[in-house]
Protein backbone atom coordinates (compact mmCIF):
# COMPACT_ATOMS: atom_id res chain seq x y z
CA MET A 1 0.00 0.00 0.00
CA ASN A 2 2.76 2.47 0.90
CA GLU A 3 4.51 1.75 -2.39
CA LEU A 4 1.29 2.45 -4.27
CA LEU A 5 0.73 5.74 -2.44
CA ALA A 6 4.30 6.81 -3.21
CA GLN A 7 3.72 6.04 -6.88
CA GLN A 8 0.49 8.05 -6.82
CA LYS A 9 2.22 11.11 -5.36
CA MET A 10 5.13 10.78 -7.80
CA ASN A 11 2.83 10.56 -10.83
CA LYS A 12 0.59 13.43 -9.73
CA THR A 13 0.28 15.90 -12.60
CA LYS A 14 0.42 19.66 -12.28
CA ILE A 15 -3.04 21.08 -12.93
CA SER A 16 -3.60 24.47 -14.58
CA THR A 17 -5.26 27.36 -12.78
CA PRO A 18 -8.03 27.76 -13.70
CA ILE A 19 -9.36 24.45 -14.97
CA GLN A 20 -11.62 24.56 -18.02
CA GLY A 21 -14.91 22.79 -17.30
CA CYS A 22 -16.45 21.07 -20.32
CA MET A 23 -19.95 20.27 -19.02
CA THR A 24 -21.65 22.77 -21.36
CA TRP A 25 -19.54 22.21 -24.47
CA GLY A 26 -21.83 19.54 -25.85
CA LYS A 27 -25.53 18.76 -25.72
CA TRP A 28 -26.01 20.36 -22.30
CA GLY A 29 -25.06 23.78 -23.60
CA ALA A 30 -23.16 25.10 -26.62
CA ASN A 31 -23.63 21.90 -28.65
CA PHE A 32 -20.24 22.40 -30.32
CA ALA A 33 -19.40 20.77 -33.62
CA THR A 34 -15.93 19.21 -33.91
CA LYS A 35 -14.36 22.39 -35.29
CA ALA A 36 -15.78 24.47 -32.45
CA TYR A 37 -14.39 22.00 -29.89
CA GLN A 38 -10.97 22.38 -31.50
CA GLN A 39 -11.14 26.16 -31.55
CA GLN A 40 -12.12 26.27 -27.88
CA ILE A 41 -9.31 23.86 -26.94
CA GLU A 42 -6.81 26.02 -28.83
CA VAL A 43 -8.03 29.18 -27.09
CA CYS A 44 -7.59 27.56 -23.69
CA LEU A 45 -4.12 26.22 -24.45
CA ASP A 46 -2.98 29.56 -25.86
CA LEU A 47 -4.03 31.18 -22.58
CA GLY A 48 -2.21 28.59 -20.48
CA VAL A 49 -5.41 26.85 -19.40
CA SER A 50 -4.35 23.29 -20.13
CA THR A 51 -6.59 21.18 -17.86
CA PHE A 52 -10.02 20.06 -19.08
CA ASP A 53 -12.65 18.80 -16.66
CA HIS A 54 -15.10 16.12 -17.79
CA ALA A 55 -17.53 13.61 -16.34
CA ASP A 56 -18.95 10.55 -18.03
CA ILE A 57 -22.52 11.88 -17.68
CA TYR A 58 -21.96 15.23 -19.45
CA GLY A 59 -24.21 15.63 -22.46
CA GLY A 60 -26.05 12.47 -21.49
CA TYR A 61 -22.85 10.41 -21.77
CA THR A 62 -21.89 12.02 -25.11
CA THR A 63 -19.58 15.02 -24.49
CA GLU A 64 -16.43 13.05 -23.68
CA ALA A 65 -16.53 11.24 -27.02
CA GLU A 66 -17.17 14.47 -28.94
CA PHE A 67 -14.25 16.14 -27.17
CA GLY A 68 -12.04 13.10 -27.78
CA LYS A 69 -12.78 13.07 -31.50
CA ALA A 70 -11.86 16.75 -31.79
CA LEU A 71 -8.74 16.29 -29.68
CA ALA A 72 -7.49 13.30 -31.69
CA GLU A 73 -7.58 15.31 -34.91
CA MET A 74 -5.40 18.05 -33.39
CA ASN A 75 -2.29 15.89 -32.94
CA LEU A 76 -1.27 17.60 -29.71
CA GLN A 77 1.50 16.29 -27.49
CA ARG A 78 -0.20 14.42 -24.65
CA ASP A 79 1.90 16.11 -21.99
CA SER A 80 0.74 19.55 -23.20
CA PHE A 81 -2.72 19.16 -21.63
CA GLN A 82 -4.39 17.38 -18.73
CA LEU A 83 -7.67 15.49 -18.60
CA ILE A 84 -9.97 15.03 -15.61
CA SER A 85 -13.00 12.79 -15.59
CA LYS A 86 -15.52 11.55 -13.04
CA CYS A 87 -17.67 8.47 -12.64
CA GLY A 88 -20.31 7.06 -10.35
CA ILE A 89 -23.59 8.75 -11.32
CA GLN A 90 -26.04 6.50 -13.11
CA MET A 91 -28.63 8.71 -14.79
CA GLU A 92 -32.30 7.86 -15.03
CA ASN A 93 -33.54 6.70 -18.46
CA PHE A 94 -30.01 5.86 -19.60
CA ARG A 95 -28.39 2.41 -19.67
CA GLU A 96 -31.71 0.82 -18.65
CA ASN A 97 -31.64 2.70 -15.34
CA ALA A 98 -35.05 2.93 -13.71
CA THR A 99 -33.89 5.67 -11.34
CA LYS A 100 -30.93 7.95 -10.82
CA HIS A 101 -28.40 6.38 -8.45
CA TYR A 102 -24.72 6.01 -7.62
CA GLN A 103 -22.58 2.95 -8.36
CA TYR A 104 -19.09 2.29 -7.02
CA ASP A 105 -18.36 -1.43 -7.20
CA ALA A 106 -14.85 -2.17 -8.50
CA ALA A 107 -16.03 -3.60 -11.81
CA TYR A 108 -18.12 -0.53 -12.55
CA ILE A 109 -15.35 1.94 -11.67
CA LEU A 110 -12.91 0.06 -13.91
CA LYS A 111 -15.44 -0.06 -16.73
CA SER A 112 -16.16 3.66 -16.39
CA ALA A 113 -12.48 4.56 -16.46
CA GLU A 114 -11.92 2.42 -19.54
CA GLN A 115 -14.91 4.03 -21.25
CA SER A 116 -13.61 7.53 -20.51
CA LEU A 117 -10.18 6.59 -21.88
CA GLN A 118 -11.83 5.29 -25.03
CA ASN A 119 -14.10 8.33 -25.36
CA LEU A 120 -11.27 10.80 -24.86
CA GLN A 121 -8.93 8.74 -27.07
CA THR A 122 -6.12 8.79 -24.54
CA ASP A 123 -3.98 6.25 -22.68
CA TYR A 124 -4.44 7.82 -19.26
CA LEU A 125 -6.42 10.32 -17.20
CA ASP A 126 -4.45 12.86 -15.20
CA VAL A 127 -7.15 12.88 -12.53
CA PHE A 128 -10.03 10.46 -11.94
CA LEU A 129 -12.76 11.50 -9.50
CA LEU A 130 -15.74 9.85 -7.84
CA HIS A 131 -18.52 12.24 -8.80
CA ARG A 132 -20.79 12.08 -5.73
CA PRO A 133 -20.61 10.17 -2.44
CA SER A 134 -22.89 7.18 -2.11
CA PRO A 135 -24.28 5.98 1.23
CA LEU A 136 -23.73 2.43 -0.07
CA MET A 137 -20.12 2.79 -1.21
CA GLN A 138 -17.77 0.06 0.00
CA VAL A 139 -14.29 1.51 0.31
CA THR A 140 -12.58 -1.84 -0.33
CA GLU A 141 -14.27 -1.98 -3.74
CA ILE A 142 -13.09 1.53 -4.54
CA GLN A 143 -9.56 0.76 -3.35
CA LYS A 144 -9.40 -2.35 -5.51
CA ALA A 145 -10.30 -0.42 -8.65
CA VAL A 146 -8.14 2.63 -7.93
CA ALA A 147 -5.11 0.49 -7.11
CA GLN A 148 -5.44 -1.35 -10.41
CA LEU A 149 -5.85 1.84 -12.42
CA LEU A 150 -2.81 3.42 -10.77
CA GLN A 151 -0.66 0.33 -11.21
CA GLN A 152 -1.62 0.13 -14.89
CA GLY A 153 -0.83 3.84 -15.39
CA LYS A 154 -4.37 4.54 -16.58
CA ILE A 155 -4.82 7.30 -14.01
CA LYS A 156 -2.15 9.57 -12.53
CA GLY A 157 -4.14 11.07 -9.67
CA PHE A 158 -7.29 10.11 -7.78
CA GLY A 159 -9.87 12.16 -5.99
CA VAL A 160 -13.48 12.76 -5.13
CA SER A 161 -16.14 15.38 -5.70
CA ASN A 162 -18.66 16.74 -3.21
CA PHE A 163 -17.37 14.54 -0.35
CA ASN A 164 -17.59 15.78 3.24
CA ILE A 165 -15.01 15.21 5.97
CA GLN A 166 -16.45 11.92 7.21
CA GLN A 167 -16.75 10.48 3.72
CA MET A 168 -13.17 11.41 2.88
CA ALA A 169 -11.91 10.00 6.19
CA LEU A 170 -13.69 6.71 5.52
CA LEU A 171 -12.20 6.40 2.04
CA GLN A 172 -8.74 7.45 3.22
CA LYS A 173 -8.53 4.32 5.33
CA VAL A 174 -7.73 2.44 2.12
CA VAL A 175 -6.71 4.93 -0.58
CA SER A 176 -4.96 8.30 -0.85
CA ILE A 177 -7.08 11.24 -2.04
CA ASP A 178 -5.36 13.96 -4.08
CA TYR A 179 -8.33 16.23 -4.88
CA ASN A 180 -11.87 17.06 -3.82
CA GLN A 181 -13.99 19.08 -6.25
CA ILE A 182 -16.43 21.02 -4.10
CA GLN A 183 -18.86 23.88 -4.34
CA ILE A 184 -17.16 26.97 -2.99
CA ALA A 185 -17.46 30.63 -3.88
CA LEU A 186 -17.72 33.99 -2.15
CA THR A 187 -21.50 33.45 -2.01
CA TYR A 188 -21.17 29.82 -0.88
CA SER A 189 -18.41 29.66 1.71
CA ASP A 190 -19.58 27.05 4.24
CA SER A 191 -16.42 24.99 3.72
CA LEU A 192 -14.36 27.81 5.26
CA THR A 193 -16.07 27.37 8.63
CA ASN A 194 -17.32 23.77 8.76
CA GLY A 195 -13.83 22.26 8.84
CA LEU A 196 -13.81 20.91 5.30
CA LEU A 197 -10.97 23.03 3.92
CA ASP A 198 -9.02 22.67 7.17
CA TYR A 199 -9.27 18.90 6.88
CA MET A 200 -8.19 19.01 3.25
CA GLN A 201 -5.14 21.09 4.08
CA THR A 202 -4.20 18.74 6.91
CA HIS A 203 -4.36 15.76 4.55
CA GLN A 204 -2.87 17.51 1.49
CA ILE A 205 -6.07 17.22 -0.52
CA GLN A 206 -6.26 20.06 -3.04
CA PRO A 207 -9.67 21.65 -3.57
CA MET A 208 -11.14 22.30 -6.98
CA ALA A 209 -14.07 24.73 -6.99
CA TRP A 210 -17.05 24.10 -9.21
CA ASN A 211 -19.29 27.14 -9.78
CA PRO A 212 -16.55 29.43 -8.41
CA LEU A 213 -18.52 32.60 -9.18
CA GLY A 214 -21.39 31.29 -7.07
CA SER A 215 -24.70 33.12 -7.26
CA TYR A 216 -23.14 36.58 -7.57
CA PHE A 217 -24.43 37.31 -11.07
CA LYS A 218 -27.83 35.69 -10.42
CA SER A 219 -29.01 36.93 -7.04
CA ILE A 220 -26.70 39.72 -6.05
CA THR A 221 -27.29 41.88 -2.98
CA PRO A 222 -26.64 45.64 -3.14
CA LYS A 223 -24.07 45.52 -0.32
CA LEU A 224 -22.08 42.72 -1.94
CA GLN A 225 -22.23 44.33 -5.37
CA LYS A 226 -20.99 47.63 -3.95
CA SER A 227 -18.08 45.90 -2.19
CA VAL A 228 -17.07 43.87 -5.24
CA GLN A 229 -17.27 46.87 -7.54
CA LYS A 230 -15.18 48.91 -5.11
CA MET A 231 -12.51 46.19 -5.15
CA ALA A 232 -12.69 45.93 -8.91
CA THR A 233 -11.90 49.63 -9.14
CA LYS A 234 -9.09 49.40 -6.58
CA TYR A 235 -7.39 46.43 -8.25
CA LYS A 236 -8.20 47.49 -11.83
CA ALA A 237 -10.05 44.24 -12.37
CA THR A 238 -13.46 42.95 -13.40
CA GLU A 239 -16.06 41.76 -10.91
CA ASP A 240 -15.57 38.11 -11.85
CA GLN A 241 -11.81 38.49 -11.34
CA ILE A 242 -12.37 39.80 -7.82
CA LEU A 243 -14.57 36.79 -7.03
CA LEU A 244 -11.81 34.46 -8.23
CA ALA A 245 -9.05 36.42 -6.50
CA TRP A 246 -10.99 35.95 -3.27
CA LEU A 247 -10.73 32.17 -3.76
CA HIS A 248 -7.05 32.32 -4.74
CA LYS A 249 -6.25 34.03 -1.42
CA HIS A 250 -7.13 30.91 0.57
CA PRO A 251 -4.06 28.90 1.67
CA SER A 252 -5.52 25.58 0.49
CA GLN A 253 -4.75 26.67 -3.10
CA ILE A 254 -8.26 26.38 -4.48
CA ILE A 255 -8.35 25.78 -8.24
CA PRO A 256 -11.47 27.23 -9.91
CA VAL A 257 -13.24 25.14 -12.54
CA MET A 258 -14.61 27.62 -15.09
CA GLY A 259 -17.64 26.45 -17.04
CA THR A 260 -17.72 29.31 -19.53
CA THR A 261 -17.32 28.88 -23.30
CA ASN A 262 -16.57 32.60 -23.72
CA SER A 263 -12.87 33.01 -24.56
CA ASN A 264 -12.76 36.50 -23.02
CA ARG A 265 -13.98 35.12 -19.70
CA VAL A 266 -11.44 32.31 -19.85
CA GLN A 267 -8.71 34.92 -20.33
CA SER A 268 -10.14 37.01 -17.51
CA ALA A 269 -10.10 33.98 -15.20
CA LYS A 270 -6.50 33.24 -16.07
CA GLU A 271 -5.43 36.83 -15.37
CA SER A 272 -7.20 36.78 -11.99
CA THR A 273 -4.33 34.69 -10.61
CA LYS A 274 -2.17 37.85 -10.68
CA ILE A 275 -4.41 39.73 -8.25
CA GLN A 276 -3.24 39.68 -4.64
CA LEU A 277 -6.06 40.84 -2.39
CA GLU A 278 -5.00 42.61 0.77
CA LEU A 279 -5.98 40.87 4.00
CA GLN A 280 -8.66 43.34 5.08
CA ASP A 281 -10.11 43.50 1.57
CA TRP A 282 -10.65 39.72 1.67
CA PHE A 283 -12.62 40.09 4.90
CA VAL A 284 -14.59 43.07 3.58
CA LEU A 285 -15.83 40.87 0.74
CA TRP A 286 -16.61 37.94 3.02
CA GLU A 287 -18.52 40.21 5.40
CA ALA A 288 -20.57 41.63 2.54
CA ALA A 289 -21.38 38.13 1.25
CA ARG A 290 -22.31 36.80 4.70
CA GLY A 291 -24.20 39.91 5.75
CA LYS A 292 -22.31 40.15 9.03
CA GLN A 293 -18.85 40.68 10.48
CA VAL A 294 -16.71 37.85 11.79
CA ASP A 295 -17.26 37.05 15.46
């Protein structure tokens, strides 16, 4: 086991900041044709955004294969980009499923990983995540599959998504966790106070943030908007950049997963890494989002 964990840490791939999320590239959003996939990949790579986040379910189990077809035609060096995928969600009305559920037996995890490799037309995934925790997951089954995938070089890093402290602790009894993709944003910051990010730092689990802009552009409050706009003026930045800079300030090294297909917003997200918020400015924003001062 120790030898396997050492191999996992050694093979761990550097992930770009931000990560480009691909959930809306296919049938669940932009419905890109092959050429559009290629153009969007090129834009990301030109900006230094080299990590692409997938899940088997995206586009009703279709987006990975569309992305893989586009990628294969580009003849890129494999070490010039990184691929993330997730498994475990069985969607209703697909694959003869009568209801939506989670599945994490070893055979299914191995099959899902192999399918993602085939869809993405690659020999390995840089990161492989369990998409949602299941109350029925048996950690020995997960360990069996992850160990095999690591030993075969089919995944370089392993992690989870949306797991809480107890669920991670249970799984860590048998396998090392490199990443946890969680919901965190200025307008959704529970993980700063419920111990989740503290636990992840203690155990060297790097957070990825899905929906890193939170609800700011959907249900903004006047106080928060005023504070963000004031910071945007001070730091010569856009509002979305301030929201991301707030995440970057956290010592756990949160990596935002950007779901946009707008190249200007991808560039804006990349440039946000240069913004260093002052300590009190970080707390001003948090206070405005929470509606109260710290205790």
